[in-house]
Protein backbone atom coordinates (compact mmCIF):
# COMPACT_ATOMS: atom_id res chain seq x y z
CA UNK A 1 -0.21 -0.25 0.53
CA UNK A 2 1.32 3.07 -0.71
CA UNK A 3 1.65 5.31 2.18
CA UNK A 4 -0.26 7.80 2.04
CA UNK A 5 -3.27 5.65 1.37
CA UNK A 6 -2.90 5.25 5.31
CA UNK A 7 -3.33 8.82 5.71
CA UNK A 8 -6.20 9.21 3.10
CA UNK A 9 -7.92 5.89 5.29
CA UNK A 10 -6.93 8.08 9.03
CA UNK A 11 -8.81 11.37 6.62
CA UNK A 12 -12.41 9.15 5.42
CA UNK A 13 -11.94 7.62 9.48
CA UNK A 14 -12.61 10.50 11.16
CA UNK A 15 -15.80 12.00 12.85
CA UNK A 16 -18.26 13.82 10.02
CA UNK A 17 -18.35 16.46 13.83
CA UNK A 18 -14.38 16.87 12.72
CA UNK A 19 -14.92 19.57 10.40
CA UNK A 20 -16.82 21.51 12.84
CA UNK A 21 -15.12 21.02 16.16
CA UNK A 22 -14.62 25.12 15.73
CA UNK A 23 -17.93 25.99 17.64
CA UNK A 24 -15.59 25.63 20.64
CA UNK A 25 -13.21 27.63 20.03
CA UNK A 26 -13.08 31.38 21.42
CA UNK A 27 -11.75 33.14 18.44
CA UNK A 28 -9.61 36.43 18.89
CA UNK A 29 -10.61 38.73 15.24
CA UNK A 30 -9.31 41.47 14.80
CA UNK A 31 -8.17 43.80 11.60
CA UNK A 32 -4.23 44.46 9.98
CA UNK A 33 -3.51 45.78 6.95
CA UNK A 34 -6.09 44.85 5.00
CA UNK A 35 -5.80 41.20 5.77
CA UNK A 36 -8.61 39.92 8.24
CA UNK A 37 -6.52 37.99 10.64
CA UNK A 38 -8.25 35.13 13.00
CA UNK A 39 -6.84 33.51 15.83
CA UNK A 40 -7.79 30.09 18.17
CA UNK A 41 -7.68 29.76 21.08
CA UNK A 42 -4.17 31.21 22.67
CA UNK A 43 -3.45 32.24 19.86
CA UNK A 44 -1.42 29.48 18.78
CA UNK A 45 -2.47 29.17 14.94
CA UNK A 46 -3.75 31.47 13.20
CA UNK A 47 -5.41 32.59 9.42
CA UNK A 48 -5.42 35.63 7.07
CA UNK A 49 -7.97 35.55 5.25
CA UNK A 50 -7.68 36.46 1.51
CA UNK A 51 -8.91 36.98 -2.41
CA UNK A 52 -6.94 35.51 -4.51
CA UNK A 53 -6.83 31.35 -5.80
CA UNK A 54 -4.31 30.27 -3.06
CA UNK A 55 -4.35 28.73 0.88
CA UNK A 56 -0.54 28.97 1.52
CA UNK A 57 -0.04 26.61 5.59
CA UNK A 58 3.34 27.31 7.46
CA UNK A 59 3.54 24.37 10.04
CA UNK A 60 6.86 24.05 11.45
CA UNK A 61 8.18 28.30 11.47
CA UNK A 62 6.27 28.53 15.26
CA UNK A 63 8.52 29.94 17.98
CA UNK A 64 5.72 29.62 20.94
CA UNK A 65 7.09 27.33 23.16
CA UNK A 66 4.60 27.93 26.42
CA UNK A 67 5.41 26.17 29.61
CA UNK A 68 1.91 24.94 29.90
CA UNK A 69 2.39 22.49 27.13
CA UNK A 70 4.52 19.67 27.17
CA UNK A 71 6.86 18.95 25.09
CA UNK A 72 6.16 16.40 22.46
CA UNK A 73 8.49 12.98 23.04
CA UNK A 74 5.72 10.28 20.75
CA UNK A 75 6.54 8.19 17.95
CA UNK A 76 9.88 9.83 17.26
CA UNK A 77 8.63 12.92 17.43
CA UNK A 78 10.90 14.88 14.81
CA UNK A 79 10.84 18.49 16.30
CA UNK A 80 13.40 21.35 14.06
CA UNK A 81 11.90 24.08 13.13
CA UNK A 82 11.69 24.79 9.45
CA UNK A 83 13.70 28.83 9.64
CA UNK A 84 12.06 32.22 8.79
CA UNK A 85 9.68 29.94 6.87
CA UNK A 86 6.74 32.37 8.50
CA UNK A 87 8.73 35.42 7.73
CA UNK A 88 8.71 34.28 3.81
CA UNK A 89 5.00 33.45 3.84
CA UNK A 90 4.62 36.91 4.98
CA UNK A 91 7.02 38.26 1.82
CA UNK A 92 4.57 36.44 -0.63
CA UNK A 93 1.78 37.35 0.87
CA UNK A 94 3.13 41.21 -0.05
CA UNK A 95 4.30 40.17 -3.36
CA UNK A 96 0.61 38.46 -4.36
CA UNK A 97 -0.86 41.59 -2.56
CA UNK A 98 1.83 44.19 -4.59
CA UNK A 99 1.18 42.29 -8.36
CA UNK A 100 -2.67 42.40 -7.41
CA UNK A 101 -4.27 44.42 -4.94
CA UNK A 102 -5.27 41.42 -2.44
CA UNK A 103 -4.23 38.51 -0.56
CA UNK A 104 -3.60 34.68 -0.85
CA UNK A 105 -4.95 32.84 2.11
CA UNK A 106 -2.27 32.83 5.23
CA UNK A 107 -2.83 30.16 7.86
CA UNK A 108 -0.02 29.92 10.44
CA UNK A 109 1.04 27.34 13.58
CA UNK A 110 2.23 29.68 15.99
CA UNK A 111 3.39 26.87 18.16
CA UNK A 112 7.46 25.73 17.92
CA UNK A 113 7.49 22.34 16.61
CA UNK A 114 8.59 21.00 20.12
CA UNK A 115 5.10 21.00 21.33
CA UNK A 116 2.95 20.66 18.26
CA UNK A 117 3.77 19.36 14.56
CA UNK A 118 0.95 19.91 12.32
CA UNK A 119 2.01 18.38 9.49
CA UNK A 120 1.59 14.89 11.46
CA UNK A 121 -1.75 13.13 12.42
CA UNK A 122 -3.00 14.18 15.35
CA UNK A 123 -1.21 11.94 17.47
CA UNK A 124 1.77 11.88 16.10
CA UNK A 125 1.69 15.61 16.29
CA UNK A 126 -0.60 16.74 19.56
CA UNK A 127 1.41 13.34 21.72
CA UNK A 128 -2.23 13.51 23.30
CA UNK A 129 -2.20 16.89 24.86
CA UNK A 130 -5.23 18.61 24.57
CA UNK A 131 -4.32 22.09 24.01
CA UNK A 132 -2.52 20.96 21.81
CA UNK A 133 -4.93 18.60 19.69
CA UNK A 134 -7.09 21.19 20.14
CA UNK A 135 -4.82 23.95 18.24
CA UNK A 136 -4.21 20.82 14.86
CA UNK A 137 -7.63 20.95 15.01
CA UNK A 138 -7.93 24.83 14.63
CA UNK A 139 -5.16 24.82 12.86
CA UNK A 140 -6.25 21.96 9.47
CA UNK A 141 -10.36 23.39 10.22
CA UNK A 142 -8.53 26.63 8.65
CA UNK A 143 -7.26 25.29 6.18
CA UNK A 144 -10.77 24.17 5.03
CA UNK A 145 -12.07 26.89 5.60
CA UNK A 146 -9.93 29.14 3.07
CA UNK A 147 -10.25 26.58 0.77
CA UNK A 148 -13.83 26.23 0.65
CA UNK A 149 -13.94 30.12 0.80
CA UNK A 150 -11.04 30.83 -1.96
CA UNK A 151 -12.99 27.72 -4.34
CA UNK A 152 -16.48 29.01 -4.16
CA UNK A 153 -14.99 32.40 -5.28
CA UNK A 154 -12.92 30.89 -7.58
CA UNK A 155 -15.15 28.54 -9.15
CA UNK A 156 -13.03 25.73 -7.50
CA UNK A 157 -9.57 27.08 -9.81
CA UNK A 158 -7.06 27.42 -6.73
CA UNK A 159 -3.64 25.84 -5.99
CA UNK A 160 -3.19 25.02 -2.49
CA UNK A 161 0.74 25.37 -0.87
CA UNK A 162 2.66 23.34 2.69
CA UNK A 163 5.28 25.71 3.05
CA UNK A 164 8.03 24.18 4.62
CA UNK A 165 12.15 24.67 4.48
CA UNK A 166 14.59 21.55 3.56
CA UNK A 167 17.88 20.82 5.52
CA UNK A 168 19.53 18.83 1.94
CA UNK A 169 22.67 19.91 0.82
CA UNK A 170 21.10 20.88 -2.57
CA UNK A 171 20.14 24.13 -2.46
CA UNK A 172 17.23 23.49 -4.84
CA UNK A 173 13.27 23.71 -3.89
CA UNK A 174 12.18 19.67 -3.52
CA UNK A 175 8.54 20.29 -4.82
CA UNK A 176 6.31 17.29 -3.15
CA UNK A 177 3.11 16.26 -5.40
CA UNK A 178 3.21 13.22 -3.16
CA UNK A 179 4.99 10.95 -5.16
CA UNK A 180 8.33 9.64 -4.16
CA UNK A 181 11.43 9.63 -5.61
CA UNK A 182 11.45 6.72 -6.82
CA UNK A 183 8.63 7.36 -9.23
CA UNK A 184 10.10 10.99 -10.11
CA UNK A 185 12.75 8.78 -12.28
CA UNK A 186 9.94 6.21 -14.11
CA UNK A 187 9.36 7.59 -17.46
CA UNK A 188 6.61 9.96 -18.42
CA UNK A 189 5.12 6.68 -20.24
CA UNK A 190 5.13 5.47 -16.55
CA UNK A 191 4.38 8.54 -14.74
CA UNK A 192 1.17 8.78 -16.88
CA UNK A 193 -0.65 5.58 -15.89
CA UNK A 194 -3.17 5.50 -12.88
CA UNK A 195 -1.68 4.17 -10.43
CA UNK A 196 0.47 6.94 -10.54
CA UNK A 197 -2.42 10.17 -11.41
CA UNK A 198 -4.39 8.35 -8.35
CA UNK A 199 -1.31 9.18 -5.20
CA UNK A 200 -1.02 12.63 -7.10
CA UNK A 201 -1.72 16.04 -5.03
CA UNK A 202 -2.81 17.32 -8.79
CA UNK A 203 -4.68 14.91 -9.84
CA UNK A 204 -7.76 16.87 -10.22
CA UNK A 205 -5.69 19.30 -12.22
CA UNK A 206 -4.65 15.82 -14.79
CA UNK A 207 -8.39 15.07 -15.07
CA UNK A 208 -9.32 19.13 -16.19
CA UNK A 209 -6.66 21.52 -17.28
CA UNK A 210 -6.39 24.07 -20.08
CA UNK A 211 -4.59 22.74 -22.84
CA UNK A 212 -5.21 19.05 -21.69
CA UNK A 213 -1.55 17.91 -20.35
CA UNK A 214 -0.51 14.85 -18.91
CA UNK A 215 0.56 14.24 -15.73
CA UNK A 216 4.44 13.86 -16.43
CA UNK A 217 3.90 17.58 -18.26
CA UNK A 218 2.10 19.47 -15.07
CA UNK A 219 5.51 17.83 -13.13
CA UNK A 220 8.17 18.55 -15.51
CA UNK A 221 6.87 19.92 -18.59
CA UNK A 222 7.52 22.91 -20.05
CA UNK A 223 4.73 24.73 -18.13
CA UNK A 224 4.81 23.19 -15.13
CA UNK A 225 5.65 25.27 -11.85
CA UNK A 226 9.21 23.70 -11.28
CA UNK A 227 9.69 24.80 -14.77
CA UNK A 228 8.69 27.96 -14.11
CA UNK A 229 10.33 28.14 -11.08
CA UNK A 230 14.06 27.30 -12.43
CA UNK A 231 13.50 29.38 -15.04
CA UNK A 232 12.76 32.55 -12.95
CA UNK A 233 16.59 31.21 -11.60
CA UNK A 234 14.96 29.19 -8.55
CA UNK A 235 15.74 25.48 -9.08
CA UNK A 236 13.21 23.60 -8.28
CA UNK A 237 12.42 19.60 -8.48
CA UNK A 238 10.45 17.90 -10.33
CA UNK A 239 10.68 20.93 -13.66
CA UNK A 240 11.90 20.32 -17.12
CA UNK A 241 15.36 21.34 -15.63
CA UNK A 242 16.07 18.34 -13.22
CA UNK A 243 13.29 16.10 -14.09
CA UNK A 244 13.86 13.90 -11.07
CA UNK A 245 15.84 13.71 -7.93
CA UNK A 246 18.84 11.49 -8.20
CA UNK A 247 18.82 7.71 -6.23
CA UNK A 248 21.55 9.27 -3.95
CA UNK A 249 19.75 12.90 -3.12
CA UNK A 250 17.29 13.53 -0.10
CA UNK A 251 13.95 14.77 -1.16
CA UNK A 252 10.41 15.33 0.88
CA UNK A 253 7.96 14.27 -1.35
CA UNK A 254 5.01 15.61 0.98
CA UNK A 255 3.30 14.71 4.12
CA UNK A 256 0.05 14.77 5.73
CA UNK A 257 -1.03 17.69 5.12
CA UNK A 258 -0.46 18.02 1.25
CA UNK A 259 -2.18 14.22 1.36
CA UNK A 260 -5.45 15.05 3.63
CA UNK A 261 -5.86 19.32 1.39
CA UNK A 262 -5.56 18.22 -1.86
CA UNK A 263 -7.37 16.34 -4.54
CA UNK A 264 -4.91 13.05 -3.60
CA UNK A 265 -7.91 12.77 -0.62
CA UNK A 266 -11.35 11.01 -2.63
CA UNK A 267 -13.81 14.17 -3.05
CA UNK A 268 -12.00 16.87 -2.56
CA UNK A 269 -11.10 18.46 -5.63
CA UNK A 270 -8.12 21.18 -4.56
CA UNK A 271 -4.77 20.41 -6.63
CA UNK A 272 -1.32 20.92 -4.48
CA UNK A 273 1.83 20.55 -3.00
CA UNK A 274 4.42 20.89 -0.27
CA UNK A 275 7.25 23.13 -1.09
CA UNK A 276 10.27 22.56 0.64
CA UNK A 277 12.33 25.61 -0.17
CA UNK A 278 16.06 25.79 0.73
CA UNK A 279 18.34 27.99 2.80
CA UNK A 280 21.21 29.23 0.66
CA UNK A 281 18.50 31.75 -1.76
CA UNK A 282 15.79 31.73 -0.42
CA UNK A 283 15.07 31.87 3.50
CA UNK A 284 18.24 33.06 4.87
CA UNK A 285 17.86 36.90 4.43
CA UNK A 286 15.39 39.43 4.07
CA UNK A 287 16.51 40.15 0.41
CA UNK A 288 16.22 36.68 -0.75
CA UNK A 289 12.92 36.53 1.05
CA UNK A 290 11.81 39.10 -1.38
CA UNK A 291 13.15 37.52 -3.88
CA UNK A 292 11.52 34.78 -4.08
CA UNK A 293 8.06 36.38 -2.82
CA UNK A 294 8.37 38.31 -6.06
CA UNK A 295 8.99 35.35 -8.20
CA UNK A 296 6.60 32.79 -6.49
CA UNK A 297 3.51 35.22 -7.12
CA UNK A 298 4.71 35.73 -10.58
CA UNK A 299 4.56 32.31 -11.34
CA UNK A 300 1.60 31.35 -9.22
CA UNK A 301 -0.60 33.40 -11.00
CA UNK A 302 1.03 32.27 -14.42
CA UNK A 303 0.66 28.35 -13.57
CA UNK A 304 -3.33 29.89 -12.82
CA UNK A 305 -3.85 30.93 -16.01
CA UNK A 306 -1.87 28.66 -17.68
CA UNK A 307 -3.76 25.43 -16.55
CA UNK A 308 -7.29 26.84 -15.27
CA UNK A 309 -7.15 29.91 -16.85
CA UNK A 310 -7.73 31.77 -13.63
CA UNK A 311 -7.56 35.65 -14.13
CA UNK A 312 -7.14 37.49 -10.79
CA UNK A 313 -7.05 41.17 -12.39
CA UNK A 314 -10.20 42.14 -11.03
CA UNK A 315 -10.05 40.37 -7.08
CA UNK A 316 -11.60 41.94 -4.80
CA UNK A 317 -9.84 42.51 -1.47
CA UNK A 318 -11.07 42.08 1.50
CA UNK A 319 -13.92 44.70 2.53
CA UNK A 320 -12.77 46.71 5.74
CA UNK A 321 -14.98 49.50 6.52
CA UNK A 322 -12.77 53.54 6.07
CA UNK A 323 -13.08 54.27 9.63
CA UNK A 324 -11.04 56.64 11.55
CA UNK A 325 -10.88 55.33 15.26
CA UNK A 326 -10.39 52.07 16.29
CA UNK A 327 -13.32 50.65 17.93
CA UNK A 328 -13.38 51.10 21.91
CA UNK A 329 -15.37 47.71 22.21
CA UNK A 330 -15.86 44.63 20.86
CA UNK A 331 -18.06 42.13 20.06
CA UNK A 332 -19.50 39.09 22.51
CA UNK A 333 -19.71 36.12 20.71
CA UNK A 334 -17.64 36.28 16.77
CA UNK A 335 -18.25 32.23 16.32
CA UNK A 336 -22.15 31.51 15.15
CA UNK A 337 -23.68 28.77 14.23
CA UNK A 338 -25.85 28.76 11.67
CA UNK A 339 -28.52 28.66 13.38
CA UNK A 340 -30.91 32.36 15.01
CA UNK A 341 -28.06 34.40 16.48
CA UNK A 342 -27.28 36.90 18.65
CA UNK A 343 -24.53 39.59 19.00
CA UNK A 344 -23.87 40.91 22.31
CA UNK A 345 -22.00 44.63 22.29
CA UNK A 346 -18.86 45.40 25.55
CA UNK A 347 -17.96 48.79 25.76
CA UNK A 348 -19.76 50.12 22.67
CA UNK A 349 -22.33 52.87 22.84
CA UNK A 350 -26.09 51.21 23.93
CA UNK A 351 -28.25 53.42 22.12
CA UNK A 352 -29.25 51.89 19.48
CA UNK A 353 -28.10 52.18 16.05
CA UNK A 354 -27.70 50.11 12.97
CA UNK A 355 -25.61 46.71 11.34
CA UNK A 356 -25.55 45.46 8.90
CA UNK A 357 -24.05 41.76 7.81
CA UNK A 358 -21.62 40.66 4.55
CA UNK A 359 -20.65 38.36 3.23
CA UNK A 360 -17.21 37.22 2.36
CA UNK A 361 -17.86 38.18 -1.29
CA UNK A 362 -19.19 41.68 -0.47
CA UNK A 363 -22.75 41.24 -0.32
CA UNK A 364 -24.45 42.15 2.52
CA UNK A 365 -26.79 39.18 3.94
CA UNK A 366 -28.76 41.30 6.53
CA UNK A 367 -29.69 45.07 7.86
CA UNK A 368 -31.75 46.78 10.45
CA UNK A 369 -32.36 49.27 13.40
CA UNK A 370 -30.84 47.77 17.51
CA UNK A 371 -31.75 49.13 20.64
CA UNK A 372 -29.29 47.84 23.70
CA UNK A 373 -26.87 46.32 23.53
CA UNK A 374 -27.36 42.82 22.30
CA UNK A 375 -28.48 42.82 18.17
CA UNK A 376 -30.32 39.55 17.04
CA UNK A 377 -29.70 38.15 13.99
CA UNK A 378 -32.58 36.15 12.49
CA UNK A 379 -32.11 33.51 9.78
CA UNK A 380 -29.54 30.27 8.41
CA UNK A 381 -25.95 31.42 7.82
CA UNK A 382 -23.50 29.37 6.11
CA UNK A 383 -20.13 28.87 7.09
CA UNK A 384 -17.78 30.67 6.54
CA UNK A 385 -17.00 34.54 7.04
CA UNK A 386 -18.44 37.61 7.69
CA UNK A 387 -18.52 41.39 7.89
CA UNK A 388 -20.05 42.85 10.39
CA UNK A 389 -20.94 46.98 10.07
CA UNK A 390 -22.32 48.78 12.95
CA UNK A 391 -23.12 52.54 12.72
CA UNK A 392 -24.00 53.88 16.14
CA UNK A 393 -24.45 57.90 15.89
CA UNK A 394 -21.65 59.53 13.44
CA UNK A 395 -19.30 55.85 14.40
CA UNK A 396 -18.73 52.90 12.75
CA UNK A 397 -17.15 50.19 13.18
CA UNK A 398 -16.75 46.57 11.39
CA UNK A 399 -15.85 42.83 13.00
CA UNK A 400 -15.40 39.55 11.80
CA UNK A 401 -17.33 36.53 12.33
CA UNK A 402 -16.34 32.52 11.99
CA UNK A 403 -20.04 31.08 10.47
CA UNK A 404 -19.55 27.05 11.44
């Protein structure tokens, strides 16, 4: 059995309610630099909401090491930090924004890998600690929420990237599509057979791409992601320039997150991969991180345009009302169920005013007058991210909420 089949069996066997365990979360939501940021419990994980067809997860760049969480020791736990990967993702985000005026979706784990590994299954990643397990669940729920939002906005044409850093001696990018190094060394004809397509993280793209490219062509043809990165001066394997790792080369083929959140998993139509970034020339300093961010953003947008005819020229930034002052208080709860909800105002004027709720696409859902410090919200919300706009007298504020 291919090792990722074991991962898939675990995914298929999860309890139906797992996706919505974030009903238990108390989320802190704030606004920064035009992007909406949602923090999980204790800020151990965070989600920066975007409006581009790109979702990027960073599991191993965190530096938070609370004494309340025990160090992971189960099952020969790997605890090495992927140096500067959160900083690299921030540069990638800035590059996308500079090109398009919009942000990708970003999910970070802020915990040091000694405390939590979000790129392992729950048992190995949290080692039985309840607080770590909650952060693990929040992290993967955020990825699912981000993908659902991006898929809806771009008709299923998105790319998921699990961003890592490797310490291998060859300074090049390693693109992990869940194919082993020896499988990549097979001929194009063999790579194009159903058994190998079935264990690929881009199998949905193989079945549906604008130019009818084969699996092998999408992995290492002239328009493959690795080839485009190589042409941008960032060598990558697999690619037309480096079709496969040599037998003696170290190579990461992708892990739990890529298997769970891509079309490898039955019923998932998201195409994606794990990108293992070399240190020298990519992660080692701010100048190189900026250069790589600019290259990757350009290449990813080209890749989506070439293979899925995705245009982002009309992307809409996450809407945030232009207000003079920060809110003097807060609202509670910021996590709503799909049924009737209510909101309490905390340290905000309580004389009453007007409210409106907008969905992630900027569409108005409901609105009306309210009196006092409680707003009743009739209606049935679908899961996702919403904006609650409050206008009290001459003042106005916007809050972000999550519906599960």
